[in-house]
C-alpha cells in the first residue's frame, strides 16, 4: 500500500473510477443483450425501440473512454444489421 498522501488519493480515485466504469460497461452490455434477445424473438418493433436506448449507452461509453469510438460504432452497426435482417 502507498505511503505518500497523493499516492493514497490516486488509489482511492482509481478505485471509484473503476467501479463507475464497470457499472456503465455492464449497463451497456445489458442493453445490447436486450436488443439481441428481441431480435431472436422476431419482435422488430420493440427491438428498434430498445436499440435507441442501447445506442445511447454505447455512445456514452465511447464518449467517456470506456470503449473505443470505433468499437462503439461497430457494436451499433452490428445491432442495426441484426434488426434490419429480421
PDB file of N, CA and C in Angstrom:
ATOM      1  N   UNK A   1       0.840  -1.192   0.000  1.00  0.00           N
ATOM      2  CA  UNK A   1       0.000   0.000   0.000  1.00  0.00           C
ATOM      3  C   UNK A   1       0.880   1.248   0.000  1.00  0.00           C
ATOM      4  N   UNK A   2       0.375   2.293  -0.624  1.00  0.00           N
ATOM      5  CA  UNK A   2       1.146   3.533  -0.758  1.00  0.00           C
ATOM      6  C   UNK A   2       1.265   4.259   0.579  1.00  0.00           C
ATOM      7  N   UNK A   3       2.406   4.935   0.786  1.00  0.00           N
ATOM      8  CA  UNK A   3       2.632   5.718   1.996  1.00  0.00           C
ATOM      9  C   UNK A   3       2.353   7.192   1.769  1.00  0.00           C
ATOM     10  N   UNK A   4       2.618   7.662   0.558  1.00  0.00           N
ATOM     11  CA  UNK A   4       2.515   9.088   0.262  1.00  0.00           C
ATOM     12  C   UNK A   4       1.051   9.472   0.098  1.00  0.00           C
ATOM     13  N   UNK A   5       0.707  10.649   0.612  1.00  0.00           N
ATOM     14  CA  UNK A   5      -0.689  11.086   0.617  1.00  0.00           C
ATOM     15  C   UNK A   5      -1.286  11.167  -0.781  1.00  0.00           C
ATOM     16  N   UNK A   6      -0.540  11.699  -1.740  1.00  0.00           N
ATOM     17  CA  UNK A   6      -1.047  11.818  -3.106  1.00  0.00           C
ATOM     18  C   UNK A   6      -1.230  10.439  -3.747  1.00  0.00           C
ATOM     19  N   UNK A   7      -0.351   9.506  -3.406  1.00  0.00           N
ATOM     20  CA  UNK A   7      -0.465   8.150  -3.953  1.00  0.00           C
ATOM     21  C   UNK A   7      -1.689   7.441  -3.370  1.00  0.00           C
ATOM     22  N   UNK A   8      -1.957   7.682  -2.093  1.00  0.00           N
ATOM     23  CA  UNK A   8      -3.148   7.113  -1.446  1.00  0.00           C
ATOM     24  C   UNK A   8      -4.406   7.652  -2.121  1.00  0.00           C
ATOM     25  N   UNK A   9      -4.396   8.958  -2.382  1.00  0.00           N
ATOM     26  CA  UNK A   9      -5.552   9.571  -3.042  1.00  0.00           C
ATOM     27  C   UNK A   9      -5.735   8.989  -4.449  1.00  0.00           C
ATOM     28  N   UNK A  10      -4.650   8.801  -5.184  1.00  0.00           N
ATOM     29  CA  UNK A  10      -4.748   8.237  -6.534  1.00  0.00           C
ATOM     30  C   UNK A  10      -5.379   6.849  -6.491  1.00  0.00           C
ATOM     31  N   UNK A  11      -4.987   6.048  -5.502  1.00  0.00           N
ATOM     32  CA  UNK A  11      -5.552   4.707  -5.361  1.00  0.00           C
ATOM     33  C   UNK A  11      -7.059   4.796  -5.145  1.00  0.00           C
ATOM     34  N   UNK A  12      -7.491   5.708  -4.286  1.00  0.00           N
ATOM     35  CA  UNK A  12      -8.918   5.871  -3.996  1.00  0.00           C
ATOM     36  C   UNK A  12      -9.684   6.351  -5.229  1.00  0.00           C
ATOM     37  N   UNK A  13      -9.126   7.333  -5.931  1.00  0.00           N
ATOM     38  CA  UNK A  13      -9.779   7.874  -7.125  1.00  0.00           C
ATOM     39  C   UNK A  13      -9.878   6.803  -8.212  1.00  0.00           C
ATOM     40  N   UNK A  14      -8.793   6.054  -8.408  1.00  0.00           N
ATOM     41  CA  UNK A  14      -8.801   4.995  -9.414  1.00  0.00           C
ATOM     42  C   UNK A  14      -9.834   3.920  -9.087  1.00  0.00           C
ATOM     43  N   UNK A  15      -9.982   3.608  -7.804  1.00  0.00           N
ATOM     44  CA  UNK A  15     -10.964   2.620  -7.377  1.00  0.00           C
ATOM     45  C   UNK A  15     -12.386   3.093  -7.704  1.00  0.00           C
ATOM     46  N   UNK A  16     -12.669   4.368  -7.403  1.00  0.00           N
ATOM     47  CA  UNK A  16     -14.002   4.926  -7.688  1.00  0.00           C
ATOM     48  C   UNK A  16     -14.282   4.905  -9.188  1.00  0.00           C
ATOM     49  N   UNK A  17     -13.293   5.306  -9.973  1.00  0.00           N
ATOM     50  CA  UNK A  17     -13.471   5.323 -11.425  1.00  0.00           C
ATOM     51  C   UNK A  17     -13.658   3.921 -11.982  1.00  0.00           C
ATOM     52  N   UNK A  18     -12.930   2.957 -11.437  1.00  0.00           N
ATOM     53  CA  UNK A  18     -13.047   1.576 -11.901  1.00  0.00           C
ATOM     54  C   UNK A  18     -14.452   1.043 -11.654  1.00  0.00           C
ATOM     55  N   UNK A  19     -14.993   1.314 -10.474  1.00  0.00           N
ATOM     56  CA  UNK A  19     -16.345   0.860 -10.136  1.00  0.00           C
ATOM     57  C   UNK A  19     -17.363   1.516 -11.059  1.00  0.00           C
ATOM     58  N   UNK A  20     -17.228   2.817 -11.281  1.00  0.00           N
ATOM     59  CA  UNK A  20     -18.162   3.536 -12.143  1.00  0.00           C
ATOM     60  C   UNK A  20     -18.079   3.045 -13.580  1.00  0.00           C
ATOM     61  N   UNK A  21     -16.856   2.869 -14.090  1.00  0.00           N
ATOM     62  CA  UNK A  21     -16.680   2.396 -15.460  1.00  0.00           C
ATOM     63  C   UNK A  21     -17.248   0.997 -15.646  1.00  0.00           C
ATOM     64  N   UNK A  22     -17.024   0.127 -14.668  1.00  0.00           N
ATOM     65  CA  UNK A  22     -17.516  -1.245 -14.809  1.00  0.00           C
ATOM     66  C   UNK A  22     -19.038  -1.285 -14.767  1.00  0.00           C
ATOM     67  N   UNK A  23     -19.668  -0.408 -13.989  1.00  0.00           N
ATOM     68  CA  UNK A  23     -21.133  -0.398 -13.943  1.00  0.00           C
ATOM     69  C   UNK A  23     -21.705   0.129 -15.260  1.00  0.00           C
ATOM     70  N   UNK A  24     -21.069   1.129 -15.843  1.00  0.00           N
ATOM     71  CA  UNK A  24     -21.536   1.649 -17.133  1.00  0.00           C
ATOM     72  C   UNK A  24     -21.324   0.626 -18.245  1.00  0.00           C
ATOM     73  N   UNK A  25     -20.222  -0.086 -18.199  1.00  0.00           N
ATOM     74  CA  UNK A  25     -19.945  -1.126 -19.189  1.00  0.00           C
ATOM     75  C   UNK A  25     -20.973  -2.249 -19.071  1.00  0.00           C
ATOM     76  N   UNK A  26     -21.297  -2.607 -17.842  1.00  0.00           N
ATOM     77  CA  UNK A  26     -22.290  -3.650 -17.602  1.00  0.00           C
ATOM     78  C   UNK A  26     -23.663  -3.225 -18.112  1.00  0.00           C
ATOM     79  N   UNK A  27     -24.044  -1.981 -17.867  1.00  0.00           N
ATOM     80  CA  UNK A  27     -25.334  -1.472 -18.338  1.00  0.00           C
ATOM     81  C   UNK A  27     -25.393  -1.487 -19.863  1.00  0.00           C
ATOM     82  N   UNK A  28     -24.293  -1.123 -20.492  1.00  0.00           N
ATOM     83  CA  UNK A  28     -24.232  -1.134 -21.950  1.00  0.00           C
ATOM     84  C   UNK A  28     -24.406  -2.551 -22.489  1.00  0.00           C
ATOM     85  N   UNK A  29     -23.706  -3.494 -21.896  1.00  0.00           N
ATOM     86  CA  UNK A  29     -23.802  -4.887 -22.341  1.00  0.00           C
ATOM     87  C   UNK A  29     -25.210  -5.438 -22.133  1.00  0.00           C
ATOM     88  N   UNK A  30     -25.852  -5.052 -21.044  1.00  0.00           N
ATOM     89  CA  UNK A  30     -27.215  -5.496 -20.772  1.00  0.00           C
ATOM     90  C   UNK A  30     -28.164  -4.992 -21.847  1.00  0.00           C
ATOM     91  N   UNK A  31     -28.019  -3.735 -22.241  1.00  0.00           N
ATOM     92  CA  UNK A  31     -28.862  -3.171 -23.293  1.00  0.00           C
ATOM     93  C   UNK A  31     -28.656  -3.904 -24.616  1.00  0.00           C
ATOM     94  N   UNK A  32     -27.410  -4.228 -24.922  1.00  0.00           N
ATOM     95  CA  UNK A  32     -27.105  -4.958 -26.160  1.00  0.00           C
ATOM     96  C   UNK A  32     -27.779  -6.325 -26.136  1.00  0.00           C
ATOM     97  N   UNK A  33     -27.716  -6.997 -24.996  1.00  0.00           N
ATOM     98  CA  UNK A  33     -28.339  -8.310 -24.874  1.00  0.00           C
ATOM     99  C   UNK A  33     -29.855  -8.224 -25.010  1.00  0.00           C
ATOM    100  N   UNK A  34     -30.445  -7.148 -24.484  1.00  0.00           N
ATOM    101  CA  UNK A  34     -31.894  -6.971 -24.616  1.00  0.00           C
ATOM    102  C   UNK A  34     -32.294  -6.868 -26.089  1.00  0.00           C
ATOM    103  N   UNK A  35     -31.518  -6.106 -26.858  1.00  0.00           N
ATOM    104  CA  UNK A  35     -31.806  -5.959 -28.293  1.00  0.00           C
ATOM    105  C   UNK A  35     -31.674  -7.308 -28.982  1.00  0.00           C
ATOM    106  N   UNK A  36     -30.582  -8.029 -28.704  1.00  0.00           N
ATOM    107  CA  UNK A  36     -30.353  -9.313 -29.353  1.00  0.00           C
ATOM    108  C   UNK A  36     -31.445 -10.322 -29.011  1.00  0.00           C
ATOM    109  N   UNK A  37     -31.932 -10.297 -27.774  1.00  0.00           N
ATOM    110  CA  UNK A  37     -32.995 -11.209 -27.370  1.00  0.00           C
ATOM    111  C   UNK A  37     -34.286 -10.903 -28.114  1.00  0.00           C
ATOM    112  N   UNK A  38     -34.593  -9.607 -28.294  1.00  0.00           N
ATOM    113  CA  UNK A  38     -35.799  -9.222 -29.028  1.00  0.00           C
ATOM    114  C   UNK A  38     -35.685  -9.591 -30.508  1.00  0.00           C
ATOM    115  N   UNK A  39     -34.497  -9.468 -31.061  1.00  0.00           N
ATOM    116  CA  UNK A  39     -34.288  -9.831 -32.469  1.00  0.00           C
ATOM    117  C   UNK A  39     -34.510 -11.336 -32.644  1.00  0.00           C
ATOM    118  N   UNK A  40     -34.002 -12.130 -31.699  1.00  0.00           N
ATOM    119  CA  UNK A  40     -34.193 -13.579 -31.773  1.00  0.00           C
ATOM    120  C   UNK A  40     -35.670 -13.942 -31.704  1.00  0.00           C
ATOM    121  N   UNK A  41     -36.430 -13.163 -30.927  1.00  0.00           N
ATOM    122  CA  UNK A  41     -37.867 -13.423 -30.768  1.00  0.00           C
ATOM    123  C   UNK A  41     -38.678 -12.829 -31.920  1.00  0.00           C
ATOM    124  N   UNK A  42     -38.009 -12.268 -32.914  1.00  0.00           N
ATOM    125  CA  UNK A  42     -38.655 -11.630 -34.080  1.00  0.00           C
ATOM    126  C   UNK A  42     -39.586 -10.492 -33.685  1.00  0.00           C
ATOM    127  N   UNK A  43     -39.233  -9.773 -32.628  1.00  0.00           N
ATOM    128  CA  UNK A  43     -40.012  -8.622 -32.162  1.00  0.00           C
ATOM    129  C   UNK A  43     -39.313  -7.350 -32.637  1.00  0.00           C
ATOM    130  N   UNK A  44     -39.447  -7.054 -33.921  1.00  0.00           N
ATOM    131  CA  UNK A  44     -38.684  -5.969 -34.544  1.00  0.00           C
ATOM    132  C   UNK A  44     -39.062  -4.602 -33.996  1.00  0.00           C
ATOM    133  N   UNK A  45     -40.350  -4.387 -33.743  1.00  0.00           N
ATOM    134  CA  UNK A  45     -40.801  -3.082 -33.248  1.00  0.00           C
ATOM    135  C   UNK A  45     -40.137  -2.739 -31.917  1.00  0.00           C
ATOM    136  N   UNK A  46     -40.216  -3.658 -30.965  1.00  0.00           N
ATOM    137  CA  UNK A  46     -39.605  -3.411 -29.657  1.00  0.00           C
ATOM    138  C   UNK A  46     -38.082  -3.379 -29.753  1.00  0.00           C
ATOM    139  N   UNK A  47     -37.531  -4.171 -30.651  1.00  0.00           N
ATOM    140  CA  UNK A  47     -36.078  -4.188 -30.826  1.00  0.00           C
ATOM    141  C   UNK A  47     -35.584  -2.820 -31.285  1.00  0.00           C
ATOM    142  N   UNK A  48     -36.332  -2.181 -32.187  1.00  0.00           N
ATOM    143  CA  UNK A  48     -35.947  -0.846 -32.656  1.00  0.00           C
ATOM    144  C   UNK A  48     -36.009   0.164 -31.529  1.00  0.00           C
ATOM    145  N   UNK A  49     -37.016   0.037 -30.664  1.00  0.00           N
ATOM    146  CA  UNK A  49     -37.143   0.958 -29.529  1.00  0.00           C
ATOM    147  C   UNK A  49     -36.004   0.766 -28.539  1.00  0.00           C
ATOM    148  N   UNK A  50     -35.682  -0.475 -28.242  1.00  0.00           N
ATOM    149  CA  UNK A  50     -34.605  -0.765 -27.296  1.00  0.00           C
ATOM    150  C   UNK A  50     -33.250  -0.422 -27.913  1.00  0.00           C
ATOM    151  N   UNK A  51     -33.151  -0.521 -29.242  1.00  0.00           N
ATOM    152  CA  UNK A  51     -31.908  -0.164 -29.935  1.00  0.00           C
ATOM    153  C   UNK A  51     -31.544   1.295 -29.690  1.00  0.00           C
ATOM    154  N   UNK A  52     -32.545   2.160 -29.621  1.00  0.00           N
ATOM    155  CA  UNK A  52     -32.285   3.581 -29.333  1.00  0.00           C
ATOM    156  C   UNK A  52     -31.590   3.732 -27.982  1.00  0.00           C
ATOM    157  N   UNK A  53     -32.104   3.022 -26.981  1.00  0.00           N
ATOM    158  CA  UNK A  53     -31.519   3.075 -25.647  1.00  0.00           C
ATOM    159  C   UNK A  53     -30.117   2.466 -25.638  1.00  0.00           C
ATOM    160  N   UNK A  54     -29.965   1.344 -26.315  1.00  0.00           N
ATOM    161  CA  UNK A  54     -28.656   0.681 -26.372  1.00  0.00           C
ATOM    162  C   UNK A  54     -27.637   1.572 -27.068  1.00  0.00           C
ATOM    163  N   UNK A  55     -28.073   2.223 -28.138  1.00  0.00           N
ATOM    164  CA  UNK A  55     -27.195   3.120 -28.881  1.00  0.00           C
ATOM    165  C   UNK A  55     -26.724   4.269 -27.991  1.00  0.00           C
ATOM    166  N   UNK A  56     -27.624   4.765 -27.174  1.00  0.00           N
ATOM    167  CA  UNK A  56     -27.276   5.849 -26.244  1.00  0.00           C
ATOM    168  C   UNK A  56     -26.231   5.381 -25.229  1.00  0.00           C
ATOM    169  N   UNK A  57     -26.419   4.175 -24.686  1.00  0.00           N
ATOM    170  CA  UNK A  57     -25.466   3.637 -23.729  1.00  0.00           C
ATOM    171  C   UNK A  57     -24.094   3.418 -24.382  1.00  0.00           C
ATOM    172  N   UNK A  58     -24.110   2.918 -25.604  1.00  0.00           N
ATOM    173  CA  UNK A  58     -22.855   2.660 -26.317  1.00  0.00           C
ATOM    174  C   UNK A  58     -22.120   3.973 -26.578  1.00  0.00           C
ATOM    175  N   UNK A  59     -22.859   4.995 -27.021  1.00  0.00           N
ATOM    176  CA  UNK A  59     -22.241   6.290 -27.294  1.00  0.00           C
ATOM    177  C   UNK A  59     -21.671   6.911 -26.022  1.00  0.00           C
ATOM    178  N   UNK A  60     -22.387   6.775 -24.916  1.00  0.00           N
ATOM    179  CA  UNK A  60     -21.903   7.316 -23.644  1.00  0.00           C
ATOM    180  C   UNK A  60     -20.594   6.644 -23.237  1.00  0.00           C
ATOM    181  N   UNK A  61     -20.545   5.329 -23.393  1.00  0.00           N
ATOM    182  CA  UNK A  61     -19.336   4.592 -23.022  1.00  0.00           C
ATOM    183  C   UNK A  61     -18.153   5.031 -23.880  1.00  0.00           C
ATOM    184  N   UNK A  62     -18.409   5.254 -25.165  1.00  0.00           N
ATOM    185  CA  UNK A  62     -17.335   5.694 -26.058  1.00  0.00           C
ATOM    186  C   UNK A  62     -16.900   7.111 -25.709  1.00  0.00           C
ATOM    187  N   UNK A  63     -17.853   7.945 -25.385  1.00  0.00           N
ATOM    188  CA  UNK A  63     -17.554   9.337 -25.058  1.00  0.00           C
ATOM    189  C   UNK A  63     -16.686   9.432 -23.806  1.00  0.00           C
ATOM    190  N   UNK A  64     -16.937   8.560 -22.843  1.00  0.00           N
ATOM    191  CA  UNK A  64     -16.194   8.584 -21.589  1.00  0.00           C
ATOM    192  C   UNK A  64     -14.898   7.781 -21.651  1.00  0.00           C
ATOM    193  N   UNK A  65     -14.637   7.135 -22.809  1.00  0.00           N
ATOM    194  CA  UNK A  65     -13.394   6.410 -22.975  1.00  0.00           C
ATOM    195  C   UNK A  65     -13.419   5.009 -22.396  1.00  0.00           C
ATOM    196  N   UNK A  66     -14.606   4.503 -22.074  1.00  0.00           N
ATOM    197  CA  UNK A  66     -14.708   3.152 -21.533  1.00  0.00           C
ATOM    198  C   UNK A  66     -14.462   2.132 -22.639  1.00  0.00           C
ATOM    199  N   UNK A  67     -14.990   2.426 -23.833  1.00  0.00           N
ATOM    200  CA  UNK A  67     -14.681   1.624 -25.012  1.00  0.00           C
ATOM    201  C   UNK A  67     -14.211   2.579 -26.108  1.00  0.00           C
ATOM    202  N   UNK A  68     -13.543   2.045 -27.109  1.00  0.00           N
ATOM    203  CA  UNK A  68     -13.031   2.866 -28.198  1.00  0.00           C
ATOM    204  C   UNK A  68     -14.167   3.298 -29.112  1.00  0.00           C
ATOM    205  N   UNK A  69     -14.001   4.447 -29.730  1.00  0.00           N
ATOM    206  CA  UNK A  69     -15.022   5.008 -30.622  1.00  0.00           C
ATOM    207  C   UNK A  69     -15.366   4.052 -31.760  1.00  0.00           C
ATOM    208  N   UNK A  70     -14.343   3.439 -32.352  1.00  0.00           N
ATOM    209  CA  UNK A  70     -14.584   2.505 -33.457  1.00  0.00           C
ATOM    210  C   UNK A  70     -15.308   1.253 -32.981  1.00  0.00           C
ATOM    211  N   UNK A  71     -14.998   0.812 -31.777  1.00  0.00           N
ATOM    212  CA  UNK A  71     -15.680  -0.356 -31.209  1.00  0.00           C
ATOM    213  C   UNK A  71     -17.155  -0.040 -30.990  1.00  0.00           C
ATOM    214  N   UNK A  72     -17.442   1.178 -30.561  1.00  0.00           N
ATOM    215  CA  UNK A  72     -18.827   1.602 -30.344  1.00  0.00           C
ATOM    216  C   UNK A  72     -19.592   1.609 -31.664  1.00  0.00           C
ATOM    217  N   UNK A  73     -18.975   2.164 -32.682  1.00  0.00           N
ATOM    218  CA  UNK A  73     -19.622   2.204 -33.995  1.00  0.00           C
ATOM    219  C   UNK A  73     -19.838   0.801 -34.553  1.00  0.00           C
ATOM    220  N   UNK A  74     -18.893  -0.083 -34.313  1.00  0.00           N
ATOM    221  CA  UNK A  74     -19.019  -1.463 -34.775  1.00  0.00           C
ATOM    222  C   UNK A  74     -20.183  -2.162 -34.069  1.00  0.00           C
ATOM    223  N   UNK A  75     -20.295  -1.947 -32.756  1.00  0.00           N
ATOM    224  CA  UNK A  75     -21.392  -2.550 -31.983  1.00  0.00           C
ATOM    225  C   UNK A  75     -22.736  -2.089 -32.520  1.00  0.00           C
ATOM    226  N   UNK A  76     -22.868  -0.777 -32.726  1.00  0.00           N
ATOM    227  CA  UNK A  76     -24.137  -0.224 -33.207  1.00  0.00           C
ATOM    228  C   UNK A  76     -24.452  -0.731 -34.608  1.00  0.00           C
ATOM    229  N   UNK A  77     -23.441  -0.827 -35.450  1.00  0.00           N
ATOM    230  CA  UNK A  77     -23.639  -1.301 -36.815  1.00  0.00           C
ATOM    231  C   UNK A  77     -24.119  -2.748 -36.827  1.00  0.00           C
ATOM    232  N   UNK A  78     -23.517  -3.572 -36.015  1.00  0.00           N
ATOM    233  CA  UNK A  78     -23.899  -4.985 -35.966  1.00  0.00           C
ATOM    234  C   UNK A  78     -25.320  -5.157 -35.436  1.00  0.00           C
ATOM    235  N   UNK A  79     -25.678  -4.365 -34.416  1.00  0.00           N
ATOM    236  CA  UNK A  79     -27.045  -4.432 -33.891  1.00  0.00           C
ATOM    237  C   UNK A  79     -28.058  -3.995 -34.943  1.00  0.00           C
ATOM    238  N   UNK A  80     -27.753  -2.908 -35.633  1.00  0.00           N
ATOM    239  CA  UNK A  80     -28.657  -2.403 -36.668  1.00  0.00           C
ATOM    240  C   UNK A  80     -28.822  -3.428 -37.786  1.00  0.00           C
ATOM    241  N   UNK A  81     -27.722  -4.079 -38.134  1.00  0.00           N
ATOM    242  CA  UNK A  81     -27.767  -5.093 -39.183  1.00  0.00           C
ATOM    243  C   UNK A  81     -28.657  -6.275 -38.764  1.00  0.00           C
ATOM    244  N   UNK A  82     -28.554  -6.669 -37.498  1.00  0.00           N
ATOM    245  CA  UNK A  82     -29.389  -7.765 -36.994  1.00  0.00           C
ATOM    246  C   UNK A  82     -30.872  -7.386 -37.013  1.00  0.00           C
ATOM    247  N   UNK A  83     -31.159  -6.148 -36.625  1.00  0.00           N
ATOM    248  CA  UNK A  83     -32.557  -5.690 -36.602  1.00  0.00           C
ATOM    249  C   UNK A  83     -33.114  -5.651 -38.012  1.00  0.00           C
ATOM    250  N   UNK A  84     -32.351  -5.113 -38.938  1.00  0.00           N
ATOM    251  CA  UNK A  84     -32.826  -4.983 -40.324  1.00  0.00           C
ATOM    252  C   UNK A  84     -32.969  -6.354 -41.013  1.00  0.00           C
ATOM    253  N   UNK A  85     -32.167  -7.319 -40.588  1.00  0.00           N
ATOM    254  CA  UNK A  85     -32.235  -8.649 -41.202  1.00  0.00           C
ATOM    255  C   UNK A  85     -33.480  -9.407 -40.756  1.00  0.00           C
ATOM    256  N   UNK A  86     -33.985  -9.077 -39.562  1.00  0.00           N
ATOM    257  CA  UNK A  86     -35.145  -9.832 -39.059  1.00  0.00           C
ATOM    258  C   UNK A  86     -36.462  -9.273 -39.560  1.00  0.00           C
TER     259      UNK A  86
END
